[in-house]
Amino acid sequence: MGWSLPKVPEKERAPSWSPWICLLIITLGLFIGLLVAVLKSPTEGLSSLSSGYWLPLTTMTFVGISTVIAIYSFCWETLATRVWNWNEWCRNMRLTWRLHAHQHLAILSHVFIIADHGLLPRIAHAQEEGNSDTPLFTLLPKEPLTPGISRFEQLLRHLISQITPSLQRRYPSGPLQIVVQTNGSDKDRESLSFHRIWTVGSLPWKATIHFQDGNSSFCDWNQFVGSTTRPVLVLAMHYRLPDDVLPEFASALFLMPPSMLNQGEKKTALRLFRAMPLNTRMLVTELSELRDMALTPASKKHLVWHSGLSDASRQSMNRVLNDLSVPLYEGIGTGGVIDYDNVCVGYGGLAGWSMIGAAVDMAAYGPACQWFFLEGKDEAWAVALGNAAPVVGHDHFVVPAPFPVGSVLMALLLNVGLYSLMIHFFPSIAFSWSGIALLLLSLVVTLPGFAILLRRVTARLQRPVFIRAARQSGKE
């Protein structure tokens, strides 16, 4: 799918309503009326004004002129409404996609522990490569280690004890969604262990726990960003299993919906935006649209993390960022780009949370605007992190709906016709107070009713065409 919006081009604005065409219609109508009067006049000359010949002819002439002008105005209004509908749908689709991408949660507290304590200082070039200690493969080296579920429980207790004070200070009690993602395969045993530890701790939150596989994509994470109205605690870890050779890491993120933040937090909190699918074969287009989504200010320096990208995508990353003129932290990573697989290890699906945990820690070195790119076997994702509120923006000046001149004229003609029939067949009612009231009621109903009906019918007939065009552009 990718970040790309449906490429539905806007239509050119309909030609403006022309008074010259109306003047031409009036001139032709008068000419035709005069021509009829001459052709049908008696041989001895034109009829006198008192003969009663001219009034019906004049009435028919002006009725014909009014009808043609109403038809012309109605056709113009229909065309203008179709163009306006189409362009407004294009604008609303872009705005909806932008607002969809702007959904986020604020990170109020975090814990990130990695076996290689010198990793972040080396990435930030605050520590020389030669001075780094020998990287370890396990966390909490002073505590006993038993690979397997015991190790999961050990690290889980440590994470909960580290993050609990922040939760109690900012969110003393209430419902809490907990997302647990680990490299373990026995989720049933992990779930039993988690519930036992959570219950024994007598913690004040009513937890709803979601266990995810280690290879779960960010698509599963998005459900918590877009619909949650309660805080979220993310616990991610790679713990020691028998015959495991990857270094351990453990991360805890306490996130809260923007609506629950106080004024001070709204100004300073890091925002973790929803993940968006990434098409790595179209990096220029995808990254340009990521920039244009205004999740993070385009003028500020960015730090870019990536993991799992193919060789071609990894080689083109710097070139694409340079072509897009994205300002980067040149003193961090390789010119502001961090190949997480090289500086750390390939954690697979867990690499996303590992990168995010490291990035939140990295924010202490300065970079608040950060991008993450993670590619798996069948899909790739892009995530943004920033401390500034996203900018909705506007695609273009909002064009007002076309004036319903055709509908108004059609409604007036209809009412004149109906009232004429009433005069002809029911003159006593037409020239009474009830007839006048009926005429006024008809005008009140038909004048706006014709305009509303035209717009709804036009939209109903045009909407399937727009949806088809959006799908044919390559997006749902």
Protein backbone atom coordinates (compact mmCIF):
# COMPACT_ATOMS: atom_id res chain seq x y z
CA MET A 1 0.00 0.00 0.00
CA GLY A 2 2.44 2.66 1.13
CA TRP A 3 2.05 6.22 2.28
CA SER A 4 0.93 7.38 -1.15
CA LEU A 5 -2.45 8.98 -1.38
CA PRO A 6 -4.90 7.87 -4.05
CA LYS A 7 -3.83 9.80 -7.12
CA VAL A 8 -7.21 11.18 -8.11
CA PRO A 9 -6.60 14.43 -10.03
CA GLU A 10 -8.85 17.37 -9.40
CA LYS A 11 -11.05 18.62 -12.19
CA GLU A 12 -10.66 22.07 -13.67
CA ARG A 13 -13.18 24.56 -12.40
CA ALA A 14 -16.38 24.79 -14.43
CA PRO A 15 -16.64 27.84 -16.71
CA SER A 16 -18.23 30.78 -14.99
CA TRP A 17 -21.87 31.57 -15.57
CA SER A 18 -22.01 33.95 -18.54
CA PRO A 19 -24.48 36.86 -18.66
CA TRP A 20 -23.75 37.21 -22.37
CA ILE A 21 -25.36 33.87 -23.08
CA CYS A 22 -28.44 35.01 -21.18
CA LEU A 23 -28.45 38.25 -23.17
CA LEU A 24 -28.20 36.23 -26.37
CA ILE A 25 -31.13 34.05 -25.27
CA ILE A 26 -33.20 37.15 -24.53
CA THR A 27 -32.33 38.71 -27.88
CA LEU A 28 -33.13 35.54 -29.81
CA GLY A 29 -36.37 35.10 -27.89
CA LEU A 30 -37.52 38.63 -28.67
CA PHE A 31 -36.51 38.21 -32.31
CA ILE A 32 -38.42 34.92 -32.60
CA GLY A 33 -41.45 36.47 -30.91
CA LEU A 34 -41.39 39.42 -33.28
CA LEU A 35 -40.93 37.08 -36.23
CA VAL A 36 -43.97 35.04 -35.17
CA ALA A 37 -45.98 38.23 -34.77
CA VAL A 38 -45.09 39.34 -38.30
CA LEU A 39 -45.70 35.95 -39.92
CA LYS A 40 -49.05 35.40 -38.20
CA SER A 41 -50.34 38.98 -38.53
CA PRO A 42 -53.31 39.68 -40.85
CA THR A 43 -52.55 40.77 -44.42
CA GLU A 44 -53.97 44.21 -43.79
CA GLY A 45 -51.36 44.94 -41.09
CA LEU A 46 -50.36 44.26 -37.48
CA SER A 47 -53.08 43.75 -34.92
CA SER A 48 -53.91 46.61 -32.61
CA LEU A 49 -52.98 46.55 -28.93
CA SER A 50 -56.64 46.30 -27.95
CA SER A 51 -57.21 43.22 -30.07
CA GLY A 52 -55.99 40.80 -27.41
CA TYR A 53 -53.41 39.27 -29.75
CA TRP A 54 -50.27 40.71 -28.19
CA LEU A 55 -50.75 39.67 -24.56
CA PRO A 56 -50.65 35.87 -25.14
CA LEU A 57 -47.76 36.27 -27.57
CA THR A 58 -45.80 38.41 -25.13
CA THR A 59 -46.53 35.95 -22.33
CA MET A 60 -45.41 32.98 -24.39
CA THR A 61 -42.27 34.83 -25.48
CA PHE A 62 -41.20 35.64 -21.93
CA VAL A 63 -42.12 32.13 -20.76
CA GLY A 64 -39.95 30.67 -23.51
CA ILE A 65 -37.06 33.01 -22.70
CA SER A 66 -37.33 32.20 -18.99
CA THR A 67 -37.47 28.47 -19.69
CA VAL A 68 -34.37 28.49 -21.88
CA ILE A 69 -32.45 30.62 -19.36
CA ALA A 70 -33.54 28.25 -16.57
CA ILE A 71 -32.41 25.21 -18.57
CA TYR A 72 -29.05 26.86 -19.34
CA SER A 73 -28.58 27.84 -15.67
CA PHE A 74 -29.62 24.37 -14.51
CA CYS A 75 -27.10 22.69 -16.85
CA TRP A 76 -24.37 25.08 -15.68
CA GLU A 77 -25.24 24.41 -12.02
CA THR A 78 -25.18 20.65 -12.59
CA LEU A 79 -21.74 20.82 -14.21
CA ALA A 80 -20.40 23.17 -11.51
CA THR A 81 -21.80 20.93 -8.78
CA ARG A 82 -20.14 17.86 -10.30
CA VAL A 83 -16.78 19.64 -10.42
CA TRP A 84 -17.22 21.00 -6.89
CA ASN A 85 -18.19 17.57 -5.52
CA TRP A 86 -15.19 15.92 -7.15
CA ASN A 87 -12.66 18.49 -5.96
CA GLU A 88 -14.09 18.57 -2.45
CA TRP A 89 -13.88 14.78 -2.25
CA CYS A 90 -10.25 14.94 -3.36
CA ARG A 91 -9.50 17.53 -0.69
CA ASN A 92 -11.41 15.67 2.03
CA MET A 93 -9.68 12.41 1.09
CA ARG A 94 -6.27 14.04 1.50
CA LEU A 95 -7.35 15.67 4.75
CA THR A 96 -8.76 12.40 6.09
CA TRP A 97 -5.56 10.56 5.20
CA ARG A 98 -3.53 13.28 6.92
CA LEU A 99 -5.65 13.15 10.08
CA HIS A 100 -5.39 9.36 9.99
CA ALA A 101 -1.61 9.66 9.94
CA HIS A 102 -1.71 12.27 12.73
CA GLN A 103 -3.17 9.86 15.29
CA HIS A 104 -0.67 9.38 18.09
CA LEU A 105 -0.04 8.70 21.76
CA ALA A 106 2.21 10.75 24.03
CA ILE A 107 5.12 9.03 25.78
CA LEU A 108 5.08 10.21 29.39
CA SER A 109 7.66 7.78 30.78
CA HIS A 110 9.91 5.03 29.54
CA VAL A 111 12.45 2.44 30.60
CA PHE A 112 14.96 1.09 28.10
CA ILE A 113 17.61 -1.42 29.11
CA ILE A 114 20.04 -2.98 26.68
CA ALA A 115 22.94 -5.32 27.30
CA ASP A 116 25.36 -3.04 25.43
CA HIS A 117 25.42 -0.01 27.75
CA GLY A 118 27.70 1.91 25.42
CA LEU A 119 25.43 1.60 22.38
CA LEU A 120 23.70 4.98 22.53
CA PRO A 121 26.81 6.99 23.47
CA ARG A 122 28.62 5.42 20.50
CA ILE A 123 25.75 6.24 18.16
CA ALA A 124 25.75 9.81 19.44
CA HIS A 125 29.57 9.85 19.13
CA ALA A 126 29.82 10.69 22.82
CA GLN A 127 32.05 7.63 23.29
CA GLU A 128 34.81 6.40 21.04
CA GLU A 129 34.52 2.93 19.54
CA GLY A 130 37.83 1.88 21.03
CA ASN A 131 36.83 2.93 24.55
CA SER A 132 33.60 0.93 24.66
CA ASP A 133 33.37 -1.94 27.06
CA THR A 134 32.96 -5.46 25.80
CA PRO A 135 29.22 -5.75 25.05
CA LEU A 136 27.31 -8.14 27.23
CA PHE A 137 24.54 -10.50 26.12
CA THR A 138 22.38 -10.45 29.23
CA LEU A 139 20.68 -7.84 31.38
CA LEU A 140 21.00 -7.57 35.17
CA PRO A 141 24.37 -9.35 35.27
CA LYS A 142 24.47 -9.39 39.08
CA GLU A 143 21.27 -11.44 39.34
CA PRO A 144 20.95 -15.21 38.68
CA LEU A 145 19.89 -16.17 35.17
CA THR A 146 17.71 -19.10 34.14
CA PRO A 147 16.84 -19.09 30.41
CA GLY A 148 13.20 -19.47 29.50
CA ILE A 149 10.02 -18.43 31.28
CA SER A 150 11.89 -17.72 34.51
CA ARG A 151 13.96 -15.14 32.71
CA PHE A 152 10.78 -13.57 31.31
CA GLU A 153 9.35 -13.26 34.82
CA GLN A 154 12.60 -11.82 36.13
CA LEU A 155 12.79 -9.08 33.49
CA LEU A 156 9.05 -8.42 33.71
CA ARG A 157 9.26 -7.77 37.48
CA HIS A 158 12.16 -5.43 36.86
CA LEU A 159 10.31 -3.47 34.14
CA ILE A 160 7.14 -3.16 36.21
CA SER A 161 9.07 -1.99 39.27
CA GLN A 162 10.90 0.60 37.17
CA ILE A 163 7.85 2.03 35.37
CA THR A 164 5.31 1.81 38.22
CA PRO A 165 6.36 5.02 40.06
CA SER A 166 5.76 7.07 36.90
CA LEU A 167 2.34 5.48 36.38
CA GLN A 168 1.32 6.09 39.98
CA ARG A 169 2.41 9.72 39.80
CA ARG A 170 0.60 10.52 36.55
CA TYR A 171 -2.23 7.96 36.51
CA PRO A 172 -2.95 6.69 40.03
CA SER A 173 -5.76 4.31 39.06
CA GLY A 174 -8.17 3.38 36.31
CA PRO A 175 -8.32 1.17 33.22
CA LEU A 176 -4.99 0.46 31.54
CA GLN A 177 -4.24 -1.33 28.29
CA ILE A 178 -1.03 -3.36 28.37
CA VAL A 179 0.69 -4.60 25.22
CA VAL A 180 3.30 -7.33 25.73
CA GLN A 181 5.54 -8.40 22.86
CA THR A 182 8.44 -10.80 23.38
CA ASN A 183 10.56 -13.28 21.48
CA GLY A 184 9.07 -16.21 23.41
CA SER A 185 6.87 -18.73 21.61
CA ASP A 186 4.82 -20.00 24.56
CA LYS A 187 2.37 -17.12 24.97
CA ASP A 188 0.09 -19.11 27.26
CA ARG A 189 2.81 -19.54 29.88
CA GLU A 190 3.84 -15.91 29.49
CA SER A 191 0.24 -14.83 30.01
CA LEU A 192 -0.12 -16.95 33.14
CA SER A 193 3.14 -15.59 34.52
CA PHE A 194 2.15 -12.02 33.76
CA HIS A 195 -1.24 -12.30 35.46
CA ARG A 196 0.35 -13.89 38.52
CA ILE A 197 2.96 -11.14 38.83
CA TRP A 198 0.39 -8.41 38.22
CA THR A 199 -2.01 -9.86 40.80
CA VAL A 200 0.63 -10.43 43.46
CA GLY A 201 1.76 -6.84 43.13
CA SER A 202 -1.76 -5.56 44.03
CA LEU A 203 -1.39 -2.82 41.47
CA PRO A 204 -4.24 -0.26 41.36
CA TRP A 205 -4.98 -0.40 37.62
CA LYS A 206 -7.60 -2.52 35.90
CA ALA A 207 -5.45 -4.02 33.17
CA THR A 208 -6.53 -5.31 29.77
CA ILE A 209 -3.59 -7.34 28.50
CA HIS A 210 -2.76 -8.06 24.86
CA PHE A 211 0.04 -10.52 24.04
CA GLN A 212 1.65 -10.26 20.62
CA ASP A 213 4.07 -12.54 18.83
CA GLY A 214 7.62 -11.42 18.35
CA ASN A 215 7.04 -11.06 14.61
CA SER A 216 3.79 -9.08 14.93
CA SER A 217 3.78 -6.05 12.69
CA PHE A 218 2.93 -2.48 13.55
CA CYS A 219 -0.49 -3.09 11.99
CA ASP A 220 -1.49 -4.70 15.31
CA TRP A 221 -0.13 -1.72 17.21
CA ASN A 222 -2.24 0.76 15.22
CA GLN A 223 -5.46 -0.41 16.83
CA PHE A 224 -4.28 1.06 20.13
CA VAL A 225 -3.31 4.40 18.57
CA GLY A 226 -6.48 5.08 16.60
CA SER A 227 -9.21 4.04 19.01
CA THR A 228 -7.86 4.04 22.55
CA THR A 229 -9.27 6.42 25.14
CA ARG A 230 -7.14 5.11 27.99
CA PRO A 231 -3.41 4.97 28.76
CA VAL A 232 -1.30 2.24 27.19
CA LEU A 233 1.70 0.46 28.67
CA VAL A 234 3.95 -1.26 26.12
CA LEU A 235 6.30 -3.94 27.44
CA ALA A 236 8.70 -5.33 24.84
CA MET A 237 11.68 -7.56 25.50
CA HIS A 238 14.02 -10.09 24.02
CA TYR A 239 14.87 -12.37 26.92
CA ARG A 240 17.30 -15.24 27.13
CA LEU A 241 16.09 -18.58 25.80
CA PRO A 242 18.08 -21.82 25.66
CA ASP A 243 20.63 -21.73 22.83
CA ASP A 244 19.86 -18.03 22.24
CA VAL A 245 22.77 -15.92 20.98
CA LEU A 246 21.16 -12.46 20.63
CA PRO A 247 21.74 -9.78 23.28
CA GLU A 248 18.81 -9.11 25.57
CA PHE A 249 16.88 -5.87 25.75
CA ALA A 250 13.84 -4.74 27.72
CA SER A 251 11.68 -1.70 27.12
CA ALA A 252 8.64 -0.18 28.81
CA LEU A 253 6.72 2.78 27.39
CA PHE A 254 3.90 4.54 29.23
CA LEU A 255 1.73 6.28 26.66
CA MET A 256 -1.37 8.40 27.05
CA PRO A 257 -3.96 9.78 24.59
CA PRO A 258 -3.51 13.49 23.79
CA SER A 259 -6.92 14.29 25.29
CA MET A 260 -5.68 13.21 28.74
CA LEU A 261 -2.58 15.41 28.77
CA ASN A 262 -2.34 18.58 30.81
CA GLN A 263 -1.15 21.84 29.26
CA GLY A 264 2.47 21.39 30.26
CA GLU A 265 2.65 17.87 28.86
CA LYS A 266 1.06 18.94 25.57
CA LYS A 267 4.01 21.27 24.98
CA THR A 268 6.84 18.90 25.86
CA ALA A 269 5.70 15.27 25.55
CA LEU A 270 7.16 13.06 22.85
CA ARG A 271 4.49 11.85 20.45
CA LEU A 272 4.57 8.38 18.92
CA PHE A 273 2.48 8.43 15.75
CA ARG A 274 0.59 5.55 14.20
CA ALA A 275 2.59 3.32 11.87
CA MET A 276 1.97 3.75 8.18
CA PRO A 277 2.69 1.12 5.51
CA LEU A 278 5.82 1.82 3.50
CA ASN A 279 6.55 0.89 -0.11
CA THR A 280 10.35 0.59 -0.15
CA ARG A 281 10.38 0.40 -3.96
CA MET A 282 9.14 4.00 -4.08
CA LEU A 283 11.25 5.59 -1.37
CA VAL A 284 11.32 9.04 -2.97
CA THR A 285 7.54 9.24 -3.15
CA GLU A 286 6.96 7.62 0.21
CA LEU A 287 9.43 9.74 2.17
CA SER A 288 8.30 12.95 0.47
CA GLU A 289 4.73 12.21 1.55
CA LEU A 290 5.93 11.32 5.04
CA ARG A 291 7.56 14.75 5.16
CA ASP A 292 4.46 16.46 3.74
CA MET A 293 2.20 14.82 6.32
CA ALA A 294 3.69 17.30 8.80
CA LEU A 295 3.90 14.82 11.66
CA THR A 296 7.11 16.54 12.66
CA PRO A 297 8.21 20.03 11.56
CA ALA A 298 10.01 19.71 8.22
CA SER A 299 12.36 22.56 9.13
CA LYS A 300 13.77 20.82 12.23
CA LYS A 301 16.63 18.35 12.15
CA HIS A 302 15.67 14.68 12.02
CA LEU A 303 17.26 11.43 13.08
CA VAL A 304 16.46 8.38 10.95
CA TRP A 305 16.54 4.76 12.16
CA HIS A 306 16.03 1.73 9.95
CA SER A 307 16.07 -2.03 10.36
CA GLY A 308 15.48 -4.93 8.00
CA LEU A 309 15.70 -2.86 4.83
CA SER A 310 17.00 -4.55 1.71
CA ASP A 311 20.45 -3.67 0.41
CA ALA A 312 18.99 -1.51 -2.36
CA SER A 313 16.73 0.39 0.03
CA ARG A 314 19.51 0.84 2.55
CA GLN A 315 21.90 2.18 -0.08
CA SER A 316 19.35 4.62 -1.46
CA MET A 317 18.20 5.92 1.93
CA ASN A 318 20.84 8.64 2.26
CA ARG A 319 20.44 9.70 -1.36
CA VAL A 320 16.66 10.00 -1.02
CA LEU A 321 16.90 12.00 2.20
CA ASN A 322 19.43 14.30 0.57
CA ASP A 323 17.24 14.80 -2.50
CA LEU A 324 14.28 15.67 -0.29
CA SER A 325 16.37 18.22 1.65
CA VAL A 326 15.46 16.68 5.01
CA PRO A 327 17.78 18.27 7.63
CA LEU A 328 19.61 15.56 9.60
CA TYR A 329 21.74 15.37 12.74
CA GLU A 330 25.08 14.87 11.05
CA GLY A 331 26.84 14.28 14.36
CA ILE A 332 24.73 11.24 15.22
CA GLY A 333 24.94 7.90 13.47
CA THR A 334 26.13 8.10 9.86
CA GLY A 335 25.16 11.60 8.86
CA GLY A 336 21.93 11.40 10.86
CA VAL A 337 20.98 7.90 9.63
CA ILE A 338 21.30 4.87 11.93
CA ASP A 339 21.41 1.37 10.48
CA TYR A 340 20.12 -0.40 13.57
CA ASP A 341 21.03 -3.85 12.26
CA ASN A 342 24.68 -2.84 12.09
CA VAL A 343 25.00 -1.02 15.42
CA CYS A 344 22.83 -3.53 17.28
CA VAL A 345 21.39 -6.85 16.09
CA GLY A 346 18.46 -7.99 14.00
CA TYR A 347 15.57 -8.49 16.40
CA GLY A 348 13.03 -9.05 13.62
CA GLY A 349 9.61 -7.72 14.56
CA LEU A 350 10.93 -6.63 17.95
CA ALA A 351 13.41 -4.29 16.27
CA GLY A 352 10.69 -1.65 16.04
CA TRP A 353 10.19 -1.42 19.80
CA SER A 354 13.90 -1.70 20.39
CA MET A 355 14.55 1.23 18.05
CA ILE A 356 11.76 3.29 19.61
CA GLY A 357 13.03 2.61 23.11
CA ALA A 358 16.54 3.60 22.06
CA ALA A 359 15.20 6.68 20.28
CA VAL A 360 13.35 7.90 23.36
CA ASP A 361 16.59 7.57 25.27
CA MET A 362 18.40 9.28 22.39
CA ALA A 363 16.09 12.28 22.74
CA ALA A 364 18.19 13.18 25.79
CA TYR A 365 21.02 13.92 23.35
CA GLY A 366 18.86 16.45 21.49
CA PRO A 367 17.01 14.88 18.55
CA ALA A 368 13.28 14.94 19.21
CA CYS A 369 12.13 14.54 15.59
CA GLN A 370 12.90 10.97 14.55
CA TRP A 371 11.75 8.58 11.83
CA PHE A 372 11.78 4.78 11.97
CA PHE A 373 11.66 2.39 9.02
CA LEU A 374 11.18 -1.31 9.63
CA GLU A 375 10.90 -3.96 6.92
CA GLY A 376 9.85 -7.56 7.46
CA LYS A 377 9.30 -10.49 5.15
CA ASP A 378 6.08 -9.25 3.55
CA GLU A 379 5.64 -5.64 4.61
CA ALA A 380 7.41 -2.50 5.69
CA TRP A 381 6.35 0.28 8.06
CA ALA A 382 7.23 3.88 8.80
CA VAL A 383 6.78 5.49 12.22
CA ALA A 384 7.44 9.05 13.37
CA LEU A 385 8.39 10.40 16.78
CA GLY A 386 8.29 14.08 17.67
CA ASN A 387 7.58 16.58 20.42
CA ALA A 388 5.55 19.06 18.35
CA ALA A 389 1.85 18.87 17.56
CA PRO A 390 1.18 17.81 13.95
CA VAL A 391 0.04 20.49 11.52
CA VAL A 392 -3.18 19.70 9.69
CA GLY A 393 -2.69 22.32 6.98
CA HIS A 394 -4.87 22.93 3.96
CA ASP A 395 -4.47 21.60 0.45
CA HIS A 396 -5.96 24.64 -1.23
CA PHE A 397 -8.35 27.51 -0.77
CA VAL A 398 -11.80 26.15 0.00
CA VAL A 399 -14.03 26.99 -2.95
CA PRO A 400 -17.66 27.69 -1.98
CA ALA A 401 -20.41 25.61 -3.50
CA PRO A 402 -21.85 27.00 -6.74
CA PHE A 403 -24.84 29.29 -6.34
CA PRO A 404 -28.05 27.32 -7.11
CA VAL A 405 -29.31 29.75 -9.76
CA GLY A 406 -30.60 26.97 -12.04
CA SER A 407 -32.49 25.24 -9.24
CA VAL A 408 -34.03 28.53 -8.13
CA LEU A 409 -35.20 29.38 -11.65
CA MET A 410 -36.60 25.87 -12.14
CA ALA A 411 -38.48 26.14 -8.84
CA LEU A 412 -39.86 29.54 -9.81
CA LEU A 413 -41.02 28.25 -13.20
CA LEU A 414 -42.66 25.26 -11.55
CA ASN A 415 -44.53 27.46 -9.10
CA VAL A 416 -45.61 29.88 -11.82
CA GLY A 417 -46.88 26.97 -13.89
CA LEU A 418 -48.77 25.42 -11.00
CA TYR A 419 -50.28 28.75 -9.98
CA SER A 420 -51.35 29.39 -13.58
CA LEU A 421 -53.12 26.04 -13.65
CA MET A 422 -54.78 26.90 -10.35
CA ILE A 423 -55.99 30.21 -11.81
CA HIS A 424 -57.33 28.40 -14.83
CA PHE A 425 -59.12 25.56 -13.05
CA PHE A 426 -59.69 26.92 -9.51
CA PRO A 427 -59.78 30.72 -9.75
CA SER A 428 -61.70 31.10 -6.50
CA ILE A 429 -58.93 29.31 -4.59
CA ALA A 430 -56.09 31.01 -6.47
CA PHE A 431 -57.29 34.50 -5.56
CA SER A 432 -57.96 33.73 -1.93
CA TRP A 433 -55.82 33.90 1.18
CA SER A 434 -55.52 30.11 1.21
CA GLY A 435 -54.26 30.13 -2.39
CA ILE A 436 -51.65 32.79 -1.62
CA ALA A 437 -50.57 30.84 1.48
CA LEU A 438 -50.32 27.68 -0.59
CA LEU A 439 -48.15 29.50 -3.15
CA LEU A 440 -45.85 30.86 -0.45
CA LEU A 441 -45.58 27.43 1.17
CA SER A 442 -44.70 25.90 -2.20
CA LEU A 443 -41.98 28.52 -2.71
CA VAL A 444 -40.54 27.88 0.76
CA VAL A 445 -40.35 24.15 0.03
CA THR A 446 -39.24 24.13 -3.61
CA LEU A 447 -36.67 26.94 -3.66
CA PRO A 448 -34.21 25.20 -1.28
CA GLY A 449 -35.60 21.74 -2.05
CA PHE A 450 -34.60 21.78 -5.72
CA ALA A 451 -31.03 22.84 -4.85
CA ILE A 452 -30.69 20.16 -2.16
CA LEU A 453 -32.20 17.50 -4.40
CA LEU A 454 -29.87 18.36 -7.28
CA ARG A 455 -26.77 18.13 -5.07
CA ARG A 456 -27.81 14.84 -3.51
CA VAL A 457 -28.73 13.21 -6.80
CA THR A 458 -25.52 14.46 -8.43
CA ALA A 459 -23.41 13.19 -5.51
CA ARG A 460 -25.17 9.83 -5.48
CA LEU A 461 -24.55 9.29 -9.20
CA GLN A 462 -20.98 10.61 -9.06
CA ARG A 463 -19.70 8.89 -5.90
CA PRO A 464 -19.24 5.40 -7.45
CA VAL A 465 -17.18 6.99 -10.25
CA PHE A 466 -14.92 8.71 -7.70
CA ILE A 467 -14.49 5.52 -5.67
CA ARG A 468 -13.61 3.61 -8.82
CA ALA A 469 -11.03 6.26 -9.76
CA ALA A 470 -9.49 6.08 -6.28
CA ARG A 471 -9.20 2.29 -6.44
CA GLN A 472 -7.73 2.34 -9.92
CA SER A 473 -5.05 4.73 -8.66
CA GLY A 474 -3.62 1.87 -6.62
CA LYS A 475 -5.03 2.60 -3.16
CA GLU A 476 -8.10 1.50 -1.28
